[in-house]
Amino acid sequence: MAQFDSHKWTREFKEAQVAQASREVDQDNLGEDYSTMRLQSNIDQKWSDSDDMKNDLRQWVEASMQSGGYDLLDDIVSALEVEVRLYKIYRKKMQR
């Protein structure tokens, strides 16, 4: 029996997520109506600039790692990588 290659599986999974997200961006209107967003908190009022956002994100990731360990950190990093790829696709489409 062949040995399971977790790195290959993870890479293929991420690529499939990006492909799916790209299809969803194609189907969606690229503009965002802030009145219909479903945010858990009002980040617009809490973050005065990108430094606040980066500090909050860094603290949240560190706290998550401390409570959930390195496996949780790996999951967070994987999710953020997928989101960054999606945002790059979104940015390219907005520049057209």
PDB file of N, CA and C in Angstrom:
ATOM      1  N   MET A   1       0.854  -1.173   0.000  1.00  0.00           N
ATOM      2  CA  MET A   1       0.000   0.000   0.000  1.00  0.00           C
ATOM      3  C   MET A   1       0.902   1.239   0.000  1.00  0.00           C
ATOM      4  N   ALA A   2       0.503   2.251  -0.739  1.00  0.00           N
ATOM      5  CA  ALA A   2       1.276   3.488  -0.826  1.00  0.00           C
ATOM      6  C   ALA A   2       1.147   4.276   0.475  1.00  0.00           C
ATOM      7  N   GLN A   3       2.215   4.968   0.805  1.00  0.00           N
ATOM      8  CA  GLN A   3       2.217   5.778   2.026  1.00  0.00           C
ATOM      9  C   GLN A   3       1.481   7.097   1.764  1.00  0.00           C
ATOM     10  N   PHE A   4       0.696   7.524   2.732  1.00  0.00           N
ATOM     11  CA  PHE A   4      -0.063   8.764   2.613  1.00  0.00           C
ATOM     12  C   PHE A   4       0.885   9.950   2.684  1.00  0.00           C
ATOM     13  N   ASP A   5       0.787  10.840   1.720  1.00  0.00           N
ATOM     14  CA  ASP A   5       1.631  12.031   1.664  1.00  0.00           C
ATOM     15  C   ASP A   5       0.789  13.227   2.112  1.00  0.00           C
ATOM     16  N   SER A   6       0.923  13.601   3.386  1.00  0.00           N
ATOM     17  CA  SER A   6       0.086  14.679   3.928  1.00  0.00           C
ATOM     18  C   SER A   6       0.399  16.029   3.289  1.00  0.00           C
ATOM     19  N   HIS A   7       1.654  16.252   2.921  1.00  0.00           N
ATOM     20  CA  HIS A   7       2.009  17.533   2.295  1.00  0.00           C
ATOM     21  C   HIS A   7       1.342  17.665   0.929  1.00  0.00           C
ATOM     22  N   LYS A   8       1.345  16.575   0.168  1.00  0.00           N
ATOM     23  CA  LYS A   8       0.696  16.597  -1.145  1.00  0.00           C
ATOM     24  C   LYS A   8      -0.809  16.800  -0.977  1.00  0.00           C
ATOM     25  N   TRP A   9      -1.409  16.097  -0.024  1.00  0.00           N
ATOM     26  CA  TRP A   9      -2.840  16.225   0.209  1.00  0.00           C
ATOM     27  C   TRP A   9      -3.194  17.657   0.603  1.00  0.00           C
ATOM     28  N   THR A  10      -2.404  18.237   1.524  1.00  0.00           N
ATOM     29  CA  THR A  10      -2.658  19.607   1.979  1.00  0.00           C
ATOM     30  C   THR A  10      -2.546  20.589   0.821  1.00  0.00           C
ATOM     31  N   ARG A  11      -1.510  20.431  -0.007  1.00  0.00           N
ATOM     32  CA  ARG A  11      -1.319  21.322  -1.149  1.00  0.00           C
ATOM     33  C   ARG A  11      -2.495  21.209  -2.117  1.00  0.00           C
ATOM     34  N   GLU A  12      -2.916  19.989  -2.428  1.00  0.00           N
ATOM     35  CA  GLU A  12      -4.032  19.800  -3.351  1.00  0.00           C
ATOM     36  C   GLU A  12      -5.337  20.331  -2.764  1.00  0.00           C
ATOM     37  N   PHE A  13      -5.516  20.165  -1.460  1.00  0.00           N
ATOM     38  CA  PHE A  13      -6.707  20.671  -0.793  1.00  0.00           C
ATOM     39  C   PHE A  13      -6.756  22.200  -0.872  1.00  0.00           C
ATOM     40  N   LYS A  14      -5.607  22.841  -0.595  1.00  0.00           N
ATOM     41  CA  LYS A  14      -5.559  24.308  -0.662  1.00  0.00           C
ATOM     42  C   LYS A  14      -5.841  24.794  -2.080  1.00  0.00           C
ATOM     43  N   GLU A  15      -5.265  24.108  -3.072  1.00  0.00           N
ATOM     44  CA  GLU A  15      -5.482  24.506  -4.460  1.00  0.00           C
ATOM     45  C   GLU A  15      -6.955  24.368  -4.836  1.00  0.00           C
ATOM     46  N   ALA A  16      -7.606  23.314  -4.346  1.00  0.00           N
ATOM     47  CA  ALA A  16      -9.027  23.133  -4.619  1.00  0.00           C
ATOM     48  C   ALA A  16      -9.853  24.233  -3.953  1.00  0.00           C
ATOM     49  N   GLN A  17      -9.469  24.624  -2.730  1.00  0.00           N
ATOM     50  CA  GLN A  17     -10.187  25.704  -2.044  1.00  0.00           C
ATOM     51  C   GLN A  17     -10.044  27.020  -2.802  1.00  0.00           C
ATOM     52  N   VAL A  18      -8.832  27.303  -3.283  1.00  0.00           N
ATOM     53  CA  VAL A  18      -8.606  28.540  -4.033  1.00  0.00           C
ATOM     54  C   VAL A  18      -9.401  28.513  -5.330  1.00  0.00           C
ATOM     55  N   ALA A  19      -9.434  27.374  -6.007  1.00  0.00           N
ATOM     56  CA  ALA A  19     -10.203  27.261  -7.250  1.00  0.00           C
ATOM     57  C   ALA A  19     -11.688  27.497  -6.988  1.00  0.00           C
ATOM     58  N   GLN A  20     -12.199  26.906  -5.917  1.00  0.00           N
ATOM     59  CA  GLN A  20     -13.610  27.109  -5.559  1.00  0.00           C
ATOM     60  C   GLN A  20     -13.886  28.569  -5.229  1.00  0.00           C
ATOM     61  N   ALA A  21     -12.989  29.167  -4.449  1.00  0.00           N
ATOM     62  CA  ALA A  21     -13.169  30.566  -4.071  1.00  0.00           C
ATOM     63  C   ALA A  21     -13.118  31.470  -5.299  1.00  0.00           C
ATOM     64  N   SER A  22     -12.252  31.146  -6.232  1.00  0.00           N
ATOM     65  CA  SER A  22     -12.149  31.933  -7.455  1.00  0.00           C
ATOM     66  C   SER A  22     -13.453  31.865  -8.244  1.00  0.00           C
ATOM     67  N   ARG A  23     -14.057  30.680  -8.308  1.00  0.00           N
ATOM     68  CA  ARG A  23     -15.341  30.545  -8.999  1.00  0.00           C
ATOM     69  C   ARG A  23     -16.412  31.364  -8.291  1.00  0.00           C
ATOM     70  N   GLU A  24     -16.371  31.391  -6.961  1.00  0.00           N
ATOM     71  CA  GLU A  24     -17.356  32.164  -6.211  1.00  0.00           C
ATOM     72  C   GLU A  24     -17.171  33.653  -6.440  1.00  0.00           C
ATOM     73  N   VAL A  25     -15.918  34.115  -6.541  1.00  0.00           N
ATOM     74  CA  VAL A  25     -15.660  35.530  -6.816  1.00  0.00           C
ATOM     75  C   VAL A  25     -16.193  35.879  -8.190  1.00  0.00           C
ATOM     76  N   ASP A  26     -16.033  34.973  -9.157  1.00  0.00           N
ATOM     77  CA  ASP A  26     -16.551  35.218 -10.501  1.00  0.00           C
ATOM     78  C   ASP A  26     -18.060  35.411 -10.485  1.00  0.00           C
ATOM     79  N   GLN A  27     -18.734  34.646  -9.647  1.00  0.00           N
ATOM     80  CA  GLN A  27     -20.182  34.682  -9.617  1.00  0.00           C
ATOM     81  C   GLN A  27     -20.715  35.864  -8.815  1.00  0.00           C
ATOM     82  N   ASP A  28     -19.959  36.333  -7.867  1.00  0.00           N
ATOM     83  CA  ASP A  28     -20.424  37.400  -6.980  1.00  0.00           C
ATOM     84  C   ASP A  28     -20.154  38.769  -7.584  1.00  0.00           C
ATOM     85  N   ASN A  29     -20.920  39.724  -7.120  1.00  0.00           N
ATOM     86  CA  ASN A  29     -20.636  41.113  -7.431  1.00  0.00           C
ATOM     87  C   ASN A  29     -19.382  41.481  -6.651  1.00  0.00           C
ATOM     88  N   LEU A  30     -18.424  42.118  -7.295  1.00  0.00           N
ATOM     89  CA  LEU A  30     -17.160  42.398  -6.630  1.00  0.00           C
ATOM     90  C   LEU A  30     -17.257  43.525  -5.614  1.00  0.00           C
ATOM     91  N   GLY A  31     -18.324  44.284  -5.627  1.00  0.00           N
ATOM     92  CA  GLY A  31     -18.496  45.319  -4.620  1.00  0.00           C
ATOM     93  C   GLY A  31     -19.104  44.739  -3.358  1.00  0.00           C
ATOM     94  N   GLU A  32     -18.868  45.370  -2.231  1.00  0.00           N
ATOM     95  CA  GLU A  32     -19.409  44.898  -0.957  1.00  0.00           C
ATOM     96  C   GLU A  32     -20.344  45.949  -0.392  1.00  0.00           C
ATOM     97  N   ASP A  33     -21.507  45.519  -0.020  1.00  0.00           N
ATOM     98  CA  ASP A  33     -22.466  46.395   0.623  1.00  0.00           C
ATOM     99  C   ASP A  33     -22.296  46.233   2.129  1.00  0.00           C
ATOM    100  N   TYR A  34     -21.739  47.224   2.777  1.00  0.00           N
ATOM    101  CA  TYR A  34     -21.428  47.105   4.206  1.00  0.00           C
ATOM    102  C   TYR A  34     -22.672  46.911   5.063  1.00  0.00           C
ATOM    103  N   SER A  35     -23.822  47.285   4.568  1.00  0.00           N
ATOM    104  CA  SER A  35     -25.035  47.105   5.369  1.00  0.00           C
ATOM    105  C   SER A  35     -25.465  45.643   5.442  1.00  0.00           C
ATOM    106  N   THR A  36     -24.934  44.797   4.543  1.00  0.00           N
ATOM    107  CA  THR A  36     -25.325  43.387   4.552  1.00  0.00           C
ATOM    108  C   THR A  36     -24.232  42.469   5.096  1.00  0.00           C
ATOM    109  N   MET A  37     -23.119  43.026   5.516  1.00  0.00           N
ATOM    110  CA  MET A  37     -22.047  42.190   6.065  1.00  0.00           C
ATOM    111  C   MET A  37     -22.469  41.627   7.416  1.00  0.00           C
ATOM    112  N   ARG A  38     -22.000  40.418   7.722  1.00  0.00           N
ATOM    113  CA  ARG A  38     -22.354  39.761   8.982  1.00  0.00           C
ATOM    114  C   ARG A  38     -21.117  39.619   9.863  1.00  0.00           C
ATOM    115  N   LEU A  39     -20.545  40.724  10.273  1.00  0.00           N
ATOM    116  CA  LEU A  39     -19.359  40.707  11.117  1.00  0.00           C
ATOM    117  C   LEU A  39     -19.749  40.435  12.564  1.00  0.00           C
ATOM    118  N   GLN A  40     -18.879  39.741  13.275  1.00  0.00           N
ATOM    119  CA  GLN A  40     -19.122  39.462  14.688  1.00  0.00           C
ATOM    120  C   GLN A  40     -18.821  40.687  15.549  1.00  0.00           C
ATOM    121  N   SER A  41     -17.936  41.557  15.088  1.00  0.00           N
ATOM    122  CA  SER A  41     -17.624  42.784  15.815  1.00  0.00           C
ATOM    123  C   SER A  41     -17.495  43.915  14.802  1.00  0.00           C
ATOM    124  N   ASN A  42     -17.562  45.131  15.275  1.00  0.00           N
ATOM    125  CA  ASN A  42     -17.467  46.279  14.386  1.00  0.00           C
ATOM    126  C   ASN A  42     -16.003  46.704  14.290  1.00  0.00           C
ATOM    127  N   ILE A  43     -15.275  46.014  13.413  1.00  0.00           N
ATOM    128  CA  ILE A  43     -13.839  46.277  13.303  1.00  0.00           C
ATOM    129  C   ILE A  43     -13.561  47.666  12.758  1.00  0.00           C
ATOM    130  N   ASP A  44     -14.502  48.229  12.038  1.00  0.00           N
ATOM    131  CA  ASP A  44     -14.319  49.562  11.486  1.00  0.00           C
ATOM    132  C   ASP A  44     -14.145  50.587  12.611  1.00  0.00           C
ATOM    133  N   GLN A  45     -14.830  50.387  13.717  1.00  0.00           N
ATOM    134  CA  GLN A  45     -14.709  51.309  14.844  1.00  0.00           C
ATOM    135  C   GLN A  45     -13.542  50.954  15.761  1.00  0.00           C
ATOM    136  N   LYS A  46     -13.131  49.697  15.779  1.00  0.00           N
ATOM    137  CA  LYS A  46     -12.090  49.261  16.702  1.00  0.00           C
ATOM    138  C   LYS A  46     -10.685  49.484  16.154  1.00  0.00           C
ATOM    139  N   TRP A  47     -10.509  49.401  14.853  1.00  0.00           N
ATOM    140  CA  TRP A  47      -9.190  49.538  14.259  1.00  0.00           C
ATOM    141  C   TRP A  47      -9.054  50.914  13.619  1.00  0.00           C
ATOM    142  N   SER A  48      -8.148  51.710  14.147  1.00  0.00           N
ATOM    143  CA  SER A  48      -7.953  53.039  13.562  1.00  0.00           C
ATOM    144  C   SER A  48      -7.010  52.998  12.366  1.00  0.00           C
ATOM    145  N   ASP A  49      -6.139  51.981  12.296  1.00  0.00           N
ATOM    146  CA  ASP A  49      -5.244  51.831  11.156  1.00  0.00           C
ATOM    147  C   ASP A  49      -4.800  50.377  11.035  1.00  0.00           C
ATOM    148  N   SER A  50      -3.998  50.101  10.019  1.00  0.00           N
ATOM    149  CA  SER A  50      -3.589  48.715   9.777  1.00  0.00           C
ATOM    150  C   SER A  50      -2.683  48.178  10.882  1.00  0.00           C
ATOM    151  N   ASP A  51      -1.983  49.055  11.591  1.00  0.00           N
ATOM    152  CA  ASP A  51      -1.137  48.590  12.703  1.00  0.00           C
ATOM    153  C   ASP A  51      -1.993  47.978  13.818  1.00  0.00           C
ATOM    154  N   ASP A  52      -3.142  48.591  14.104  1.00  0.00           N
ATOM    155  CA  ASP A  52      -4.064  48.024  15.101  1.00  0.00           C
ATOM    156  C   ASP A  52      -4.520  46.633  14.672  1.00  0.00           C
ATOM    157  N   MET A  53      -4.867  46.513  13.397  1.00  0.00           N
ATOM    158  CA  MET A  53      -5.329  45.234  12.872  1.00  0.00           C
ATOM    159  C   MET A  53      -4.236  44.173  12.980  1.00  0.00           C
ATOM    160  N   LYS A  54      -3.005  44.524  12.585  1.00  0.00           N
ATOM    161  CA  LYS A  54      -1.906  43.559  12.651  1.00  0.00           C
ATOM    162  C   LYS A  54      -1.610  43.150  14.084  1.00  0.00           C
ATOM    163  N   ASN A  55      -1.645  44.102  15.007  1.00  0.00           N
ATOM    164  CA  ASN A  55      -1.402  43.776  16.410  1.00  0.00           C
ATOM    165  C   ASN A  55      -2.484  42.852  16.962  1.00  0.00           C
ATOM    166  N   ASP A  56      -3.745  43.137  16.633  1.00  0.00           N
ATOM    167  CA  ASP A  56      -4.840  42.267  17.076  1.00  0.00           C
ATOM    168  C   ASP A  56      -4.696  40.863  16.499  1.00  0.00           C
ATOM    169  N   LEU A  57      -4.382  40.788  15.220  1.00  0.00           N
ATOM    170  CA  LEU A  57      -4.228  39.487  14.576  1.00  0.00           C
ATOM    171  C   LEU A  57      -3.072  38.703  15.199  1.00  0.00           C
ATOM    172  N   ARG A  58      -1.954  39.383  15.417  1.00  0.00           N
ATOM    173  CA  ARG A  58      -0.791  38.727  16.017  1.00  0.00           C
ATOM    174  C   ARG A  58      -1.116  38.201  17.416  1.00  0.00           C
ATOM    175  N   GLN A  59      -1.780  39.015  18.222  1.00  0.00           N
ATOM    176  CA  GLN A  59      -2.148  38.588  19.574  1.00  0.00           C
ATOM    177  C   GLN A  59      -3.127  37.420  19.529  1.00  0.00           C
ATOM    178  N   TRP A  60      -4.080  37.465  18.619  1.00  0.00           N
ATOM    179  CA  TRP A  60      -5.049  36.385  18.517  1.00  0.00           C
ATOM    180  C   TRP A  60      -4.379  35.076  18.108  1.00  0.00           C
ATOM    181  N   VAL A  61      -3.457  35.148  17.127  1.00  0.00           N
ATOM    182  CA  VAL A  61      -2.758  33.941  16.688  1.00  0.00           C
ATOM    183  C   VAL A  61      -1.919  33.378  17.825  1.00  0.00           C
ATOM    184  N   GLU A  62      -1.202  34.226  18.547  1.00  0.00           N
ATOM    185  CA  GLU A  62      -0.380  33.760  19.664  1.00  0.00           C
ATOM    186  C   GLU A  62      -1.240  33.125  20.757  1.00  0.00           C
ATOM    187  N   ALA A  63      -2.364  33.742  21.085  1.00  0.00           N
ATOM    188  CA  ALA A  63      -3.253  33.187  22.110  1.00  0.00           C
ATOM    189  C   ALA A  63      -3.848  31.861  21.639  1.00  0.00           C
ATOM    190  N   SER A  64      -4.205  31.792  20.368  1.00  0.00           N
ATOM    191  CA  SER A  64      -4.755  30.549  19.823  1.00  0.00           C
ATOM    192  C   SER A  64      -3.729  29.435  19.880  1.00  0.00           C
ATOM    193  N   MET A  65      -2.483  29.749  19.544  1.00  0.00           N
ATOM    194  CA  MET A  65      -1.438  28.737  19.583  1.00  0.00           C
ATOM    195  C   MET A  65      -1.197  28.258  21.016  1.00  0.00           C
ATOM    196  N   GLN A  66      -1.197  29.189  21.958  1.00  0.00           N
ATOM    197  CA  GLN A  66      -0.971  28.812  23.349  1.00  0.00           C
ATOM    198  C   GLN A  66      -2.088  27.916  23.875  1.00  0.00           C
ATOM    199  N   SER A  67      -3.306  28.165  23.435  1.00  0.00           N
ATOM    200  CA  SER A  67      -4.419  27.354  23.936  1.00  0.00           C
ATOM    201  C   SER A  67      -4.626  26.083  23.117  1.00  0.00           C
ATOM    202  N   GLY A  68      -4.341  26.130  21.809  1.00  0.00           N
ATOM    203  CA  GLY A  68      -4.626  24.984  20.946  1.00  0.00           C
ATOM    204  C   GLY A  68      -3.419  24.247  20.428  1.00  0.00           C
ATOM    205  N   GLY A  69      -2.232  24.770  20.680  1.00  0.00           N
ATOM    206  CA  GLY A  69      -1.017  24.090  20.247  1.00  0.00           C
ATOM    207  C   GLY A  69      -0.679  24.351  18.791  1.00  0.00           C
ATOM    208  N   TYR A  70       0.361  23.638  18.360  1.00  0.00           N
ATOM    209  CA  TYR A  70       0.871  23.850  17.006  1.00  0.00           C
ATOM    210  C   TYR A  70      -0.069  23.327  15.926  1.00  0.00           C
ATOM    211  N   ASP A  71      -0.885  22.327  16.236  1.00  0.00           N
ATOM    212  CA  ASP A  71      -1.847  21.843  15.240  1.00  0.00           C
ATOM    213  C   ASP A  71      -2.849  22.935  14.884  1.00  0.00           C
ATOM    214  N   LEU A  72      -3.337  23.639  15.888  1.00  0.00           N
ATOM    215  CA  LEU A  72      -4.257  24.740  15.635  1.00  0.00           C
ATOM    216  C   LEU A  72      -3.553  25.850  14.855  1.00  0.00           C
ATOM    217  N   LEU A  73      -2.313  26.135  15.216  1.00  0.00           N
ATOM    218  CA  LEU A  73      -1.554  27.150  14.493  1.00  0.00           C
ATOM    219  C   LEU A  73      -1.414  26.768  13.021  1.00  0.00           C
ATOM    220  N   ASP A  74      -1.130  25.502  12.741  1.00  0.00           N
ATOM    221  CA  ASP A  74      -1.033  25.048  11.350  1.00  0.00           C
ATOM    222  C   ASP A  74      -2.361  25.245  10.618  1.00  0.00           C
ATOM    223  N   ASP A  75      -3.473  24.952  11.292  1.00  0.00           N
ATOM    224  CA  ASP A  75      -4.786  25.152  10.677  1.00  0.00           C
ATOM    225  C   ASP A  75      -5.038  26.626  10.377  1.00  0.00           C
ATOM    226  N   ILE A  76      -4.660  27.501  11.309  1.00  0.00           N
ATOM    227  CA  ILE A  76      -4.845  28.940  11.105  1.00  0.00           C
ATOM    228  C   ILE A  76      -4.005  29.423   9.930  1.00  0.00           C
ATOM    229  N   VAL A  77      -2.754  28.994   9.888  1.00  0.00           N
ATOM    230  CA  VAL A  77      -1.862  29.410   8.797  1.00  0.00           C
ATOM    231  C   VAL A  77      -2.411  28.927   7.458  1.00  0.00           C
ATOM    232  N   SER A  78      -2.880  27.694   7.402  1.00  0.00           N
ATOM    233  CA  SER A  78      -3.446  27.167   6.155  1.00  0.00           C
ATOM    234  C   SER A  78      -4.666  27.980   5.722  1.00  0.00           C
ATOM    235  N   ALA A  79      -5.529  28.302   6.658  1.00  0.00           N
ATOM    236  CA  ALA A  79      -6.721  29.090   6.333  1.00  0.00           C
ATOM    237  C   ALA A  79      -6.333  30.481   5.839  1.00  0.00           C
ATOM    238  N   LEU A  80      -5.350  31.095   6.484  1.00  0.00           N
ATOM    239  CA  LEU A  80      -4.919  32.433   6.062  1.00  0.00           C
ATOM    240  C   LEU A  80      -4.273  32.396   4.682  1.00  0.00           C
ATOM    241  N   GLU A  81      -3.533  31.336   4.385  1.00  0.00           N
ATOM    242  CA  GLU A  81      -2.930  31.213   3.051  1.00  0.00           C
ATOM    243  C   GLU A  81      -4.004  31.151   1.972  1.00  0.00           C
ATOM    244  N   VAL A  82      -5.056  30.399   2.236  1.00  0.00           N
ATOM    245  CA  VAL A  82      -6.161  30.312   1.277  1.00  0.00           C
ATOM    246  C   VAL A  82      -6.813  31.676   1.112  1.00  0.00           C
ATOM    247  N   GLU A  83      -7.050  32.376   2.209  1.00  0.00           N
ATOM    248  CA  GLU A  83      -7.677  33.694   2.138  1.00  0.00           C
ATOM    249  C   GLU A  83      -6.800  34.684   1.380  1.00  0.00           C
ATOM    250  N   VAL A  84      -5.497  34.648   1.602  1.00  0.00           N
ATOM    251  CA  VAL A  84      -4.593  35.561   0.898  1.00  0.00           C
ATOM    252  C   VAL A  84      -4.649  35.295  -0.600  1.00  0.00           C
ATOM    253  N   ARG A  85      -4.658  34.035  -0.995  1.00  0.00           N
ATOM    254  CA  ARG A  85      -4.776  33.724  -2.425  1.00  0.00           C
ATOM    255  C   ARG A  85      -6.087  34.263  -2.990  1.00  0.00           C
ATOM    256  N   LEU A  86      -7.161  34.105  -2.244  1.00  0.00           N
ATOM    257  CA  LEU A  86      -8.452  34.618  -2.688  1.00  0.00           C
ATOM    258  C   LEU A  86      -8.411  36.134  -2.830  1.00  0.00           C
ATOM    259  N   TYR A  87      -7.804  36.817  -1.873  1.00  0.00           N
ATOM    260  CA  TYR A  87      -7.737  38.278  -1.936  1.00  0.00           C
ATOM    261  C   TYR A  87      -6.900  38.743  -3.116  1.00  0.00           C
ATOM    262  N   LYS A  88      -5.861  37.981  -3.463  1.00  0.00           N
ATOM    263  CA  LYS A  88      -5.052  38.330  -4.635  1.00  0.00           C
ATOM    264  C   LYS A  88      -5.872  38.195  -5.907  1.00  0.00           C
ATOM    265  N   ILE A  89      -6.695  37.146  -5.982  1.00  0.00           N
ATOM    266  CA  ILE A  89      -7.579  36.970  -7.130  1.00  0.00           C
ATOM    267  C   ILE A  89      -8.578  38.129  -7.186  1.00  0.00           C
ATOM    268  N   TYR A  90      -9.151  38.450  -6.050  1.00  0.00           N
ATOM    269  CA  TYR A  90     -10.122  39.543  -5.943  1.00  0.00           C
ATOM    270  C   TYR A  90      -9.490  40.861  -6.381  1.00  0.00           C
ATOM    271  N   ARG A  91      -8.270  41.131  -5.911  1.00  0.00           N
ATOM    272  CA  ARG A  91      -7.584  42.374  -6.260  1.00  0.00           C
ATOM    273  C   ARG A  91      -7.342  42.458  -7.759  1.00  0.00           C
ATOM    274  N   LYS A  92      -6.927  41.357  -8.379  1.00  0.00           N
ATOM    275  CA  LYS A  92      -6.695  41.358  -9.831  1.00  0.00           C
ATOM    276  C   LYS A  92      -7.984  41.680 -10.589  1.00  0.00           C
ATOM    277  N   LYS A  93      -9.090  41.090 -10.136  1.00  0.00           N
ATOM    278  CA  LYS A  93     -10.360  41.327 -10.806  1.00  0.00           C
ATOM    279  C   LYS A  93     -10.830  42.753 -10.628  1.00  0.00           C
ATOM    280  N   MET A  94     -10.538  43.345  -9.470  1.00  0.00           N
ATOM    281  CA  MET A  94     -10.933  44.735  -9.218  1.00  0.00           C
ATOM    282  C   MET A  94     -10.092  45.707 -10.034  1.00  0.00           C
ATOM    283  N   GLN A  95      -8.874  45.335 -10.396  1.00  0.00           N
ATOM    284  CA  GLN A  95      -7.989  46.221 -11.155  1.00  0.00           C
ATOM    285  C   GLN A  95      -8.349  46.264 -12.637  1.00  0.00           C
ATOM    286  N   ARG A  96      -9.162  45.350 -13.076  1.00  0.00           N
ATOM    287  CA  ARG A  96      -9.547  45.309 -14.511  1.00  0.00           C
ATOM    288  C   ARG A  96     -10.468  46.431 -14.862  1.00  0.00           C
TER     289      ARG A  96
END
